[in-house]
Amino acid sequence: MTASPIVTDVPGEGWWIDGVYLGDIGTMITADGWDDVAAERGDDQELLGLDGVRFRPHLTAAGTRTIQMGVHGARWDGFQWVLPASGTAQRALFEANLDRLLRLVGVRHRPLLVRRVYPDGSVRRAQCRVTGQIAPTRQGNSYGEVQFTLLVLGGFFEDVDELTSRLPYDTDGPSTQTVEVFSLRGQSGSCADAEISVTGACSSLSVVDAETGLGFSYASALTSGQTLVVQPGGRFAATLAGASIITSIRFGGSRLLRISPAPDESRGPSLKITAPGKTSAFSVTVRSRRKWLR
């Protein structure tokens, strides 16, 4: 069976769940909520003796996407939906298509991998779960509607492809430099799971987000050829020559490093790198995926 387009005037645009194109099952009938931005987490702080409140950095809560689909008691022949001749066959095909969708979104023992293709052809993904009740409605023999809500667990969508970029740190320049993370160009969310690899030599090291000043530092020296790998996010690890040194890393905040949103669509966010005693072999690379609010 050839897939039907979800948005007929934009070839390729649509939604996939665990690798299954929703257009194989039915048609999207509403776009409400597709681009909603998740609420924030955290509160500003009231201080005794001072008016108003003092700002504290906030985080992003889990977002939602409401998907409403028309499920057909028909088959797609590549050009149009074709109804079977009898009402019984129409009901049977509707129920078969409904079962396909429910098998897909009814998973409860693990997150769903949701991918969205945008009108410009870009692809973003998120780990999601379906929240609330799924209540299909049938309208006659050959058509029904299903609405379900996806909870975006990590708050952000992210690029499918992971990129590694070497930061433009000039080893002939000062020990402290603010450098752009090109691989995160244009991101609208903050990236808290980038893997940072630092190759020596240097006498000590600090890597912090240029906007917030939060990040991590390592007070010991790296010799030439030694590589320190810091993995924030769920992995939360730091290794040197393959051995864990997580207790030797000092950091601020609840994560080792959270890279801020990009300043505009053509630039990436910046990190401040401090590496006294660096040599010409010193380098910093970032392995990451861009994060998006929608």
C-alpha atoms as a PDB file:
ATOM      1  CA  MET A   1       0.000   0.000   0.000  1.00  0.00           C
ATOM      2  CA  THR A   2       1.345   3.427  -0.901  1.00  0.00           C
ATOM      3  CA  ALA A   3       1.420   5.990   1.933  1.00  0.00           C
ATOM      4  CA  SER A   4      -1.044   8.860   1.784  1.00  0.00           C
ATOM      5  CA  PRO A   5       0.337  12.340   2.398  1.00  0.00           C
ATOM      6  CA  ILE A   6      -0.559  13.954   5.701  1.00  0.00           C
ATOM      7  CA  VAL A   7      -0.228  17.420   4.163  1.00  0.00           C
ATOM      8  CA  THR A   8      -0.969  17.060   0.475  1.00  0.00           C
ATOM      9  CA  ASP A   9       0.692  20.257  -0.750  1.00  0.00           C
ATOM     10  CA  VAL A  10       4.019  19.634   1.003  1.00  0.00           C
ATOM     11  CA  PRO A  11       5.490  16.279  -0.098  1.00  0.00           C
ATOM     12  CA  GLY A  12       7.206  14.457   2.729  1.00  0.00           C
ATOM     13  CA  GLU A  13       5.882  16.595   5.584  1.00  0.00           C
ATOM     14  CA  GLY A  14       4.343  14.583   8.390  1.00  0.00           C
ATOM     15  CA  TRP A  15       4.746  12.479  11.519  1.00  0.00           C
ATOM     16  CA  TRP A  16       6.350   9.099  12.193  1.00  0.00           C
ATOM     17  CA  ILE A  17       6.040   7.045  15.398  1.00  0.00           C
ATOM     18  CA  ASP A  18       8.566   4.246  15.925  1.00  0.00           C
ATOM     19  CA  GLY A  19       9.325   4.383  12.210  1.00  0.00           C
ATOM     20  CA  VAL A  20       5.709   4.108  11.047  1.00  0.00           C
ATOM     21  CA  TYR A  21       4.356   6.928   8.877  1.00  0.00           C
ATOM     22  CA  LEU A  22       0.970   8.022  10.202  1.00  0.00           C
ATOM     23  CA  GLY A  23      -0.161   8.722   6.635  1.00  0.00           C
ATOM     24  CA  ASP A  24      -0.191   4.967   6.051  1.00  0.00           C
ATOM     25  CA  ILE A  25      -3.069   4.719   8.514  1.00  0.00           C
ATOM     26  CA  GLY A  26      -5.118   7.863   7.981  1.00  0.00           C
ATOM     27  CA  THR A  27      -4.996  11.615   7.478  1.00  0.00           C
ATOM     28  CA  MET A  28      -4.223  14.436   9.884  1.00  0.00           C
ATOM     29  CA  ILE A  29      -7.301  16.635  10.296  1.00  0.00           C
ATOM     30  CA  THR A  30      -6.039  19.382  12.604  1.00  0.00           C
ATOM     31  CA  ALA A  31      -2.775  21.134  13.364  1.00  0.00           C
ATOM     32  CA  ASP A  32      -3.777  22.640  16.716  1.00  0.00           C
ATOM     33  CA  GLY A  33      -1.042  22.275  19.312  1.00  0.00           C
ATOM     34  CA  TRP A  34       1.652  21.049  16.931  1.00  0.00           C
ATOM     35  CA  ASP A  35       3.864  24.052  17.635  1.00  0.00           C
ATOM     36  CA  ASP A  36       3.011  24.689  21.284  1.00  0.00           C
ATOM     37  CA  VAL A  37       6.018  25.543  23.442  1.00  0.00           C
ATOM     38  CA  ALA A  38       6.326  23.689  26.736  1.00  0.00           C
ATOM     39  CA  ALA A  39       5.779  25.543  30.000  1.00  0.00           C
ATOM     40  CA  GLU A  40       8.680  26.545  32.213  1.00  0.00           C
ATOM     41  CA  ARG A  41       9.759  24.948  35.479  1.00  0.00           C
ATOM     42  CA  GLY A  42      10.999  26.873  38.486  1.00  0.00           C
ATOM     43  CA  ASP A  43      10.147  30.099  40.284  1.00  0.00           C
ATOM     44  CA  ASP A  44      11.780  33.434  40.896  1.00  0.00           C
ATOM     45  CA  GLN A  45      12.880  34.102  44.459  1.00  0.00           C
ATOM     46  CA  GLU A  46      11.352  36.464  46.991  1.00  0.00           C
ATOM     47  CA  LEU A  47      14.000  38.016  49.249  1.00  0.00           C
ATOM     48  CA  LEU A  48      13.284  39.426  52.709  1.00  0.00           C
ATOM     49  CA  GLY A  49      13.352  43.222  52.707  1.00  0.00           C
ATOM     50  CA  LEU A  50      13.360  43.601  48.910  1.00  0.00           C
ATOM     51  CA  ASP A  51      10.426  44.454  46.678  1.00  0.00           C
ATOM     52  CA  GLY A  52       9.331  42.152  43.907  1.00  0.00           C
ATOM     53  CA  VAL A  53      11.286  39.015  43.117  1.00  0.00           C
ATOM     54  CA  ARG A  54      14.769  38.167  41.907  1.00  0.00           C
ATOM     55  CA  PHE A  55      15.122  36.161  38.732  1.00  0.00           C
ATOM     56  CA  ARG A  56      16.355  32.575  38.918  1.00  0.00           C
ATOM     57  CA  PRO A  57      17.121  30.514  35.816  1.00  0.00           C
ATOM     58  CA  HIS A  58      14.179  28.342  34.764  1.00  0.00           C
ATOM     59  CA  LEU A  59      14.005  24.958  33.055  1.00  0.00           C
ATOM     60  CA  THR A  60      11.618  23.606  30.431  1.00  0.00           C
ATOM     61  CA  ALA A  61       8.807  21.276  31.475  1.00  0.00           C
ATOM     62  CA  ALA A  62       7.605  18.292  29.438  1.00  0.00           C
ATOM     63  CA  GLY A  63       5.655  19.553  26.422  1.00  0.00           C
ATOM     64  CA  THR A  64       2.610  18.113  24.671  1.00  0.00           C
ATOM     65  CA  ARG A  65       1.537  17.542  21.072  1.00  0.00           C
ATOM     66  CA  THR A  66      -2.109  16.738  20.325  1.00  0.00           C
ATOM     67  CA  ILE A  67      -2.567  14.550  17.251  1.00  0.00           C
ATOM     68  CA  GLN A  68      -6.042  14.219  15.736  1.00  0.00           C
ATOM     69  CA  MET A  69      -6.422  11.795  12.836  1.00  0.00           C
ATOM     70  CA  GLY A  70      -9.074  10.559  10.526  1.00  0.00           C
ATOM     71  CA  VAL A  71      -8.950   6.767  10.213  1.00  0.00           C
ATOM     72  CA  HIS A  72     -10.562   5.378   7.066  1.00  0.00           C
ATOM     73  CA  GLY A  73     -12.404   2.182   6.306  1.00  0.00           C
ATOM     74  CA  ALA A  74     -10.705   2.393   2.950  1.00  0.00           C
ATOM     75  CA  ARG A  75      -7.392   1.744   1.257  1.00  0.00           C
ATOM     76  CA  TRP A  76      -5.060   4.269  -0.337  1.00  0.00           C
ATOM     77  CA  ASP A  77      -4.257   3.392  -3.968  1.00  0.00           C
ATOM     78  CA  GLY A  78      -1.612   6.063  -4.403  1.00  0.00           C
ATOM     79  CA  PHE A  79      -4.049   8.739  -5.557  1.00  0.00           C
ATOM     80  CA  GLN A  80      -7.194   8.491  -3.431  1.00  0.00           C
ATOM     81  CA  TRP A  81      -8.938   6.520  -0.727  1.00  0.00           C
ATOM     82  CA  VAL A  82     -10.886   3.600  -2.251  1.00  0.00           C
ATOM     83  CA  LEU A  83     -13.918   2.231  -0.401  1.00  0.00           C
ATOM     84  CA  PRO A  84     -14.708  -1.489  -0.453  1.00  0.00           C
ATOM     85  CA  ALA A  85     -18.064  -2.351  -1.994  1.00  0.00           C
ATOM     86  CA  SER A  86     -19.899  -3.482   1.143  1.00  0.00           C
ATOM     87  CA  GLY A  87     -20.513  -1.799   4.476  1.00  0.00           C
ATOM     88  CA  THR A  88     -19.170  -4.852   6.307  1.00  0.00           C
ATOM     89  CA  ALA A  89     -15.890  -4.661   4.381  1.00  0.00           C
ATOM     90  CA  GLN A  90     -15.679  -0.945   5.119  1.00  0.00           C
ATOM     91  CA  ARG A  91     -16.106  -1.533   8.858  1.00  0.00           C
ATOM     92  CA  ALA A  92     -13.550  -4.338   8.804  1.00  0.00           C
ATOM     93  CA  LEU A  93     -10.968  -2.146   7.054  1.00  0.00           C
ATOM     94  CA  PHE A  94     -11.651   0.757   9.441  1.00  0.00           C
ATOM     95  CA  GLU A  95     -11.128  -1.524  12.428  1.00  0.00           C
ATOM     96  CA  ALA A  96      -7.963  -2.988  10.922  1.00  0.00           C
ATOM     97  CA  ASN A  97      -6.524   0.507  10.401  1.00  0.00           C
ATOM     98  CA  LEU A  98      -7.611   1.493  13.906  1.00  0.00           C
ATOM     99  CA  ASP A  99      -5.845  -1.537  15.354  1.00  0.00           C
ATOM    100  CA  ARG A 100      -2.682  -0.565  13.485  1.00  0.00           C
ATOM    101  CA  LEU A 101      -2.773   2.876  15.077  1.00  0.00           C
ATOM    102  CA  LEU A 102      -3.569   1.570  18.564  1.00  0.00           C
ATOM    103  CA  ARG A 103      -0.740  -0.965  18.387  1.00  0.00           C
ATOM    104  CA  LEU A 104       1.520   1.967  17.617  1.00  0.00           C
ATOM    105  CA  VAL A 105       0.416   4.484  20.240  1.00  0.00           C
ATOM    106  CA  GLY A 106      -0.808   2.042  22.893  1.00  0.00           C
ATOM    107  CA  VAL A 107       2.732   1.120  24.007  1.00  0.00           C
ATOM    108  CA  ARG A 108       3.139   1.714  27.740  1.00  0.00           C
ATOM    109  CA  HIS A 109       6.330  -0.109  28.710  1.00  0.00           C
ATOM    110  CA  ARG A 110       8.768   2.251  26.934  1.00  0.00           C
ATOM    111  CA  PRO A 111       8.866   5.708  25.333  1.00  0.00           C
ATOM    112  CA  LEU A 112       7.849   6.198  21.712  1.00  0.00           C
ATOM    113  CA  LEU A 113      10.322   7.637  19.216  1.00  0.00           C
ATOM    114  CA  VAL A 114       8.427  10.409  17.422  1.00  0.00           C
ATOM    115  CA  ARG A 115       9.821  12.069  14.296  1.00  0.00           C
ATOM    116  CA  ARG A 116       8.402  15.075  12.546  1.00  0.00           C
ATOM    117  CA  VAL A 117       9.329  16.206   9.032  1.00  0.00           C
ATOM    118  CA  TYR A 118       8.901  19.957   8.582  1.00  0.00           C
ATOM    119  CA  PRO A 119       7.930  21.833   5.395  1.00  0.00           C
ATOM    120  CA  ASP A 120      11.577  22.701   4.683  1.00  0.00           C
ATOM    121  CA  GLY A 121      12.513  19.005   4.815  1.00  0.00           C
ATOM    122  CA  SER A 122      14.276  19.142   8.192  1.00  0.00           C
ATOM    123  CA  VAL A 123      13.650  16.252  10.589  1.00  0.00           C
ATOM    124  CA  ARG A 124      13.420  16.436  14.373  1.00  0.00           C
ATOM    125  CA  ARG A 125      12.704  13.770  16.942  1.00  0.00           C
ATOM    126  CA  ALA A 126      11.662  13.364  20.577  1.00  0.00           C
ATOM    127  CA  GLN A 127      11.082  10.637  23.120  1.00  0.00           C
ATOM    128  CA  CYS A 128       7.356  10.707  23.936  1.00  0.00           C
ATOM    129  CA  ARG A 129       4.588   8.787  25.607  1.00  0.00           C
ATOM    130  CA  VAL A 130       0.863   8.924  25.025  1.00  0.00           C
ATOM    131  CA  THR A 131      -0.961  10.481  27.955  1.00  0.00           C
ATOM    132  CA  GLY A 132      -4.659  10.403  28.766  1.00  0.00           C
ATOM    133  CA  GLN A 133      -7.410   8.256  27.316  1.00  0.00           C
ATOM    134  CA  ILE A 134      -7.593   7.256  23.664  1.00  0.00           C
ATOM    135  CA  ALA A 135     -11.274   7.383  22.637  1.00  0.00           C
ATOM    136  CA  PRO A 136     -11.856   6.581  18.939  1.00  0.00           C
ATOM    137  CA  THR A 137     -15.153   7.643  17.408  1.00  0.00           C
ATOM    138  CA  ARG A 138     -16.661   6.025  14.297  1.00  0.00           C
ATOM    139  CA  GLN A 139     -18.793   8.020  11.904  1.00  0.00           C
ATOM    140  CA  GLY A 140     -20.583   5.594   9.663  1.00  0.00           C
ATOM    141  CA  ASN A 141     -19.006   2.512   8.138  1.00  0.00           C
ATOM    142  CA  SER A 142     -15.964   4.012   6.486  1.00  0.00           C
ATOM    143  CA  TYR A 143     -14.577   6.763   8.690  1.00  0.00           C
ATOM    144  CA  GLY A 144     -13.628   7.523  12.292  1.00  0.00           C
ATOM    145  CA  GLU A 145     -11.521   9.942  14.275  1.00  0.00           C
ATOM    146  CA  VAL A 146      -8.851   9.366  16.906  1.00  0.00           C
ATOM    147  CA  GLN A 147      -7.223  11.991  19.107  1.00  0.00           C
ATOM    148  CA  PHE A 148      -4.265  11.370  21.380  1.00  0.00           C
ATOM    149  CA  THR A 149      -1.765  13.547  23.229  1.00  0.00           C
ATOM    150  CA  LEU A 150       1.990  13.001  23.088  1.00  0.00           C
ATOM    151  CA  LEU A 151       3.981  14.026  26.163  1.00  0.00           C
ATOM    152  CA  VAL A 152       7.432  15.213  25.048  1.00  0.00           C
ATOM    153  CA  LEU A 153       9.446  13.741  27.902  1.00  0.00           C
ATOM    154  CA  GLY A 154      12.644  15.757  27.518  1.00  0.00           C
ATOM    155  CA  GLY A 155      10.870  19.039  26.878  1.00  0.00           C
ATOM    156  CA  PHE A 156      12.619  19.589  23.540  1.00  0.00           C
ATOM    157  CA  PHE A 157      12.665  18.076  20.083  1.00  0.00           C
ATOM    158  CA  GLU A 158      16.159  17.461  18.715  1.00  0.00           C
ATOM    159  CA  ASP A 159      17.901  16.838  15.417  1.00  0.00           C
ATOM    160  CA  VAL A 160      18.030  13.234  14.291  1.00  0.00           C
ATOM    161  CA  ASP A 161      21.654  13.465  13.214  1.00  0.00           C
ATOM    162  CA  GLU A 162      24.394  13.917  15.799  1.00  0.00           C
ATOM    163  CA  LEU A 163      27.234  16.225  14.771  1.00  0.00           C
ATOM    164  CA  THR A 164      30.791  16.603  16.048  1.00  0.00           C
ATOM    165  CA  SER A 165      32.536  19.945  15.695  1.00  0.00           C
ATOM    166  CA  ARG A 166      35.972  21.119  16.763  1.00  0.00           C
ATOM    167  CA  LEU A 167      35.718  24.446  18.527  1.00  0.00           C
ATOM    168  CA  PRO A 168      37.722  27.348  17.016  1.00  0.00           C
ATOM    169  CA  TYR A 169      40.016  27.747  20.029  1.00  0.00           C
ATOM    170  CA  ASP A 170      43.272  29.456  18.985  1.00  0.00           C
ATOM    171  CA  THR A 171      46.192  27.795  20.748  1.00  0.00           C
ATOM    172  CA  ASP A 172      48.341  30.875  19.974  1.00  0.00           C
ATOM    173  CA  GLY A 173      45.823  33.156  21.708  1.00  0.00           C
ATOM    174  CA  PRO A 174      45.044  33.884  25.375  1.00  0.00           C
ATOM    175  CA  SER A 175      44.226  31.045  27.738  1.00  0.00           C
ATOM    176  CA  THR A 176      40.598  32.191  28.078  1.00  0.00           C
ATOM    177  CA  GLN A 177      38.598  32.439  24.847  1.00  0.00           C
ATOM    178  CA  THR A 178      34.897  32.573  23.977  1.00  0.00           C
ATOM    179  CA  VAL A 179      34.231  30.327  20.991  1.00  0.00           C
ATOM    180  CA  GLU A 180      31.181  29.415  18.921  1.00  0.00           C
ATOM    181  CA  VAL A 181      29.678  25.912  18.866  1.00  0.00           C
ATOM    182  CA  PHE A 182      28.949  25.706  15.138  1.00  0.00           C
ATOM    183  CA  SER A 183      27.108  22.367  15.352  1.00  0.00           C
ATOM    184  CA  LEU A 184      24.368  23.988  17.491  1.00  0.00           C
ATOM    185  CA  ARG A 185      23.711  26.797  15.002  1.00  0.00           C
ATOM    186  CA  GLY A 186      20.189  28.202  15.311  1.00  0.00           C
ATOM    187  CA  GLN A 187      18.940  25.923  18.098  1.00  0.00           C
ATOM    188  CA  SER A 188      15.967  27.340  20.031  1.00  0.00           C
ATOM    189  CA  GLY A 189      16.317  25.068  23.074  1.00  0.00           C
ATOM    190  CA  SER A 190      19.223  24.513  25.449  1.00  0.00           C
ATOM    191  CA  CYS A 191      21.501  21.508  24.953  1.00  0.00           C
ATOM    192  CA  ALA A 192      22.248  19.658  28.202  1.00  0.00           C
ATOM    193  CA  ASP A 193      23.605  16.378  26.808  1.00  0.00           C
ATOM    194  CA  ALA A 194      26.529  17.453  24.609  1.00  0.00           C
ATOM    195  CA  GLU A 195      29.638  15.305  24.907  1.00  0.00           C
ATOM    196  CA  ILE A 196      32.789  17.394  25.391  1.00  0.00           C
ATOM    197  CA  SER A 197      36.186  15.917  24.469  1.00  0.00           C
ATOM    198  CA  VAL A 198      39.319  17.843  25.462  1.00  0.00           C
ATOM    199  CA  THR A 199      42.747  16.766  24.222  1.00  0.00           C
ATOM    200  CA  GLY A 200      45.841  18.080  26.023  1.00  0.00           C
ATOM    201  CA  ALA A 201      48.175  19.459  26.802  1.00  0.00           C
ATOM    202  CA  CYS A 202      47.083  22.067  29.369  1.00  0.00           C
ATOM    203  CA  SER A 203      47.769  22.648  33.053  1.00  0.00           C
ATOM    204  CA  SER A 204      44.061  22.957  34.008  1.00  0.00           C
ATOM    205  CA  LEU A 205      40.739  23.360  32.268  1.00  0.00           C
ATOM    206  CA  SER A 206      37.408  25.147  32.509  1.00  0.00           C
ATOM    207  CA  VAL A 207      34.485  24.870  30.057  1.00  0.00           C
ATOM    208  CA  VAL A 208      31.411  26.991  30.797  1.00  0.00           C
ATOM    209  CA  ASP A 209      28.433  28.343  28.898  1.00  0.00           C
ATOM    210  CA  ALA A 210      29.221  31.938  27.892  1.00  0.00           C
ATOM    211  CA  GLU A 211      25.691  33.137  28.761  1.00  0.00           C
ATOM    212  CA  THR A 212      25.297  31.569  32.204  1.00  0.00           C
ATOM    213  CA  GLY A 213      28.877  30.954  33.342  1.00  0.00           C
ATOM    214  CA  LEU A 214      27.904  27.442  34.399  1.00  0.00           C
ATOM    215  CA  GLY A 215      29.832  24.391  33.326  1.00  0.00           C
ATOM    216  CA  PHE A 216      32.690  22.264  34.612  1.00  0.00           C
ATOM    217  CA  SER A 217      36.371  22.529  35.516  1.00  0.00           C
ATOM    218  CA  TYR A 218      39.266  20.130  35.964  1.00  0.00           C
ATOM    219  CA  ALA A 219      42.120  21.317  38.179  1.00  0.00           C
ATOM    220  CA  SER A 220      44.727  18.775  37.102  1.00  0.00           C
ATOM    221  CA  ALA A 221      46.941  18.798  34.023  1.00  0.00           C
ATOM    222  CA  LEU A 222      46.321  16.987  30.760  1.00  0.00           C
ATOM    223  CA  THR A 223      49.460  15.772  29.058  1.00  0.00           C
ATOM    224  CA  SER A 224      49.901  15.857  25.313  1.00  0.00           C
ATOM    225  CA  GLY A 225      47.637  13.269  23.696  1.00  0.00           C
ATOM    226  CA  GLN A 226      45.508  12.680  26.812  1.00  0.00           C
ATOM    227  CA  THR A 227      41.779  13.122  26.204  1.00  0.00           C
ATOM    228  CA  LEU A 228      39.230  14.060  28.834  1.00  0.00           C
ATOM    229  CA  VAL A 229      35.660  13.112  27.861  1.00  0.00           C
ATOM    230  CA  VAL A 230      32.748  14.642  29.766  1.00  0.00           C
ATOM    231  CA  GLN A 231      29.253  13.275  29.124  1.00  0.00           C
ATOM    232  CA  PRO A 232      26.455  15.284  30.777  1.00  0.00           C
ATOM    233  CA  GLY A 233      22.767  14.424  30.693  1.00  0.00           C
ATOM    234  CA  GLY A 234      21.637  10.912  31.541  1.00  0.00           C
ATOM    235  CA  ARG A 235      25.103   9.443  30.948  1.00  0.00           C
ATOM    236  CA  PHE A 236      26.777  11.715  33.534  1.00  0.00           C
ATOM    237  CA  ALA A 237      30.335  10.456  33.167  1.00  0.00           C
ATOM    238  CA  ALA A 238      33.862  11.805  32.887  1.00  0.00           C
ATOM    239  CA  THR A 239      36.757   9.656  31.734  1.00  0.00           C
ATOM    240  CA  LEU A 240      40.463  10.193  31.214  1.00  0.00           C
ATOM    241  CA  ALA A 241      42.309   7.518  29.251  1.00  0.00           C
ATOM    242  CA  GLY A 242      39.234   5.315  29.698  1.00  0.00           C
ATOM    243  CA  ALA A 243      39.173   5.582  33.524  1.00  0.00           C
ATOM    244  CA  SER A 244      36.428   7.397  35.415  1.00  0.00           C
ATOM    245  CA  ILE A 245      37.437  10.694  37.044  1.00  0.00           C
ATOM    246  CA  ILE A 246      33.941  12.004  37.762  1.00  0.00           C
ATOM    247  CA  THR A 247      34.887  12.862  41.360  1.00  0.00           C
ATOM    248  CA  SER A 248      37.679  15.127  40.083  1.00  0.00           C
ATOM    249  CA  ILE A 249      35.326  17.261  37.986  1.00  0.00           C
ATOM    250  CA  ARG A 250      33.893  20.366  39.621  1.00  0.00           C
ATOM    251  CA  PHE A 251      30.670  21.780  38.257  1.00  0.00           C
ATOM    252  CA  GLY A 252      27.905  24.277  39.020  1.00  0.00           C
ATOM    253  CA  GLY A 253      24.190  23.745  38.816  1.00  0.00           C
ATOM    254  CA  SER A 254      22.356  20.452  38.423  1.00  0.00           C
ATOM    255  CA  ARG A 255      24.260  19.433  35.272  1.00  0.00           C
ATOM    256  CA  LEU A 256      27.847  19.485  34.143  1.00  0.00           C
ATOM    257  CA  LEU A 257      27.079  21.785  31.228  1.00  0.00           C
ATOM    258  CA  ARG A 258      23.960  23.300  29.690  1.00  0.00           C
ATOM    259  CA  ILE A 259      24.609  25.111  26.409  1.00  0.00           C
ATOM    260  CA  SER A 260      22.247  28.053  25.849  1.00  0.00           C
ATOM    261  CA  PRO A 261      20.000  28.598  22.813  1.00  0.00           C
ATOM    262  CA  ALA A 262      21.670  30.099  19.764  1.00  0.00           C
ATOM    263  CA  PRO A 263      21.588  33.908  19.389  1.00  0.00           C
ATOM    264  CA  ASP A 264      20.091  33.682  15.876  1.00  0.00           C
ATOM    265  CA  GLU A 265      19.475  31.240  13.034  1.00  0.00           C
ATOM    266  CA  SER A 266      22.919  31.676  11.473  1.00  0.00           C
ATOM    267  CA  ARG A 267      25.088  31.368  14.586  1.00  0.00           C
ATOM    268  CA  GLY A 268      25.699  28.864  17.325  1.00  0.00           C
ATOM    269  CA  PRO A 269      25.831  29.473  21.088  1.00  0.00           C
ATOM    270  CA  SER A 270      29.201  30.139  22.716  1.00  0.00           C
ATOM    271  CA  LEU A 271      31.368  28.407  25.299  1.00  0.00           C
ATOM    272  CA  LYS A 272      34.100  30.047  27.342  1.00  0.00           C
ATOM    273  CA  ILE A 273      37.206  27.854  27.383  1.00  0.00           C
ATOM    274  CA  THR A 274      40.039  28.472  29.875  1.00  0.00           C
ATOM    275  CA  ALA A 275      43.139  26.345  29.395  1.00  0.00           C
ATOM    276  CA  PRO A 276      46.328  27.704  31.006  1.00  0.00           C
ATOM    277  CA  GLY A 277      49.522  26.076  29.779  1.00  0.00           C
ATOM    278  CA  LYS A 278      47.914  24.865  26.546  1.00  0.00           C
ATOM    279  CA  THR A 279      50.098  23.677  23.698  1.00  0.00           C
ATOM    280  CA  SER A 280      49.541  23.549  19.948  1.00  0.00           C
ATOM    281  CA  ALA A 281      48.049  20.052  20.344  1.00  0.00           C
ATOM    282  CA  PHE A 282      45.237  21.306  22.584  1.00  0.00           C
ATOM    283  CA  SER A 283      41.698  20.989  21.181  1.00  0.00           C
ATOM    284  CA  VAL A 284      38.062  20.851  22.279  1.00  0.00           C
ATOM    285  CA  THR A 285      35.328  19.046  20.340  1.00  0.00           C
ATOM    286  CA  VAL A 286      31.577  18.947  20.974  1.00  0.00           C
ATOM    287  CA  ARG A 287      29.369  16.004  19.959  1.00  0.00           C
ATOM    288  CA  SER A 288      25.724  17.003  20.101  1.00  0.00           C
ATOM    289  CA  ARG A 289      22.294  17.395  18.551  1.00  0.00           C
ATOM    290  CA  ARG A 290      20.554  20.752  18.236  1.00  0.00           C
ATOM    291  CA  LYS A 291      17.558  21.191  20.564  1.00  0.00           C
ATOM    292  CA  TRP A 292      14.283  22.795  19.501  1.00  0.00           C
ATOM    293  CA  LEU A 293      11.284  24.197  21.378  1.00  0.00           C
ATOM    294  CA  ARG A 294       8.960  22.674  18.759  1.00  0.00           C
END
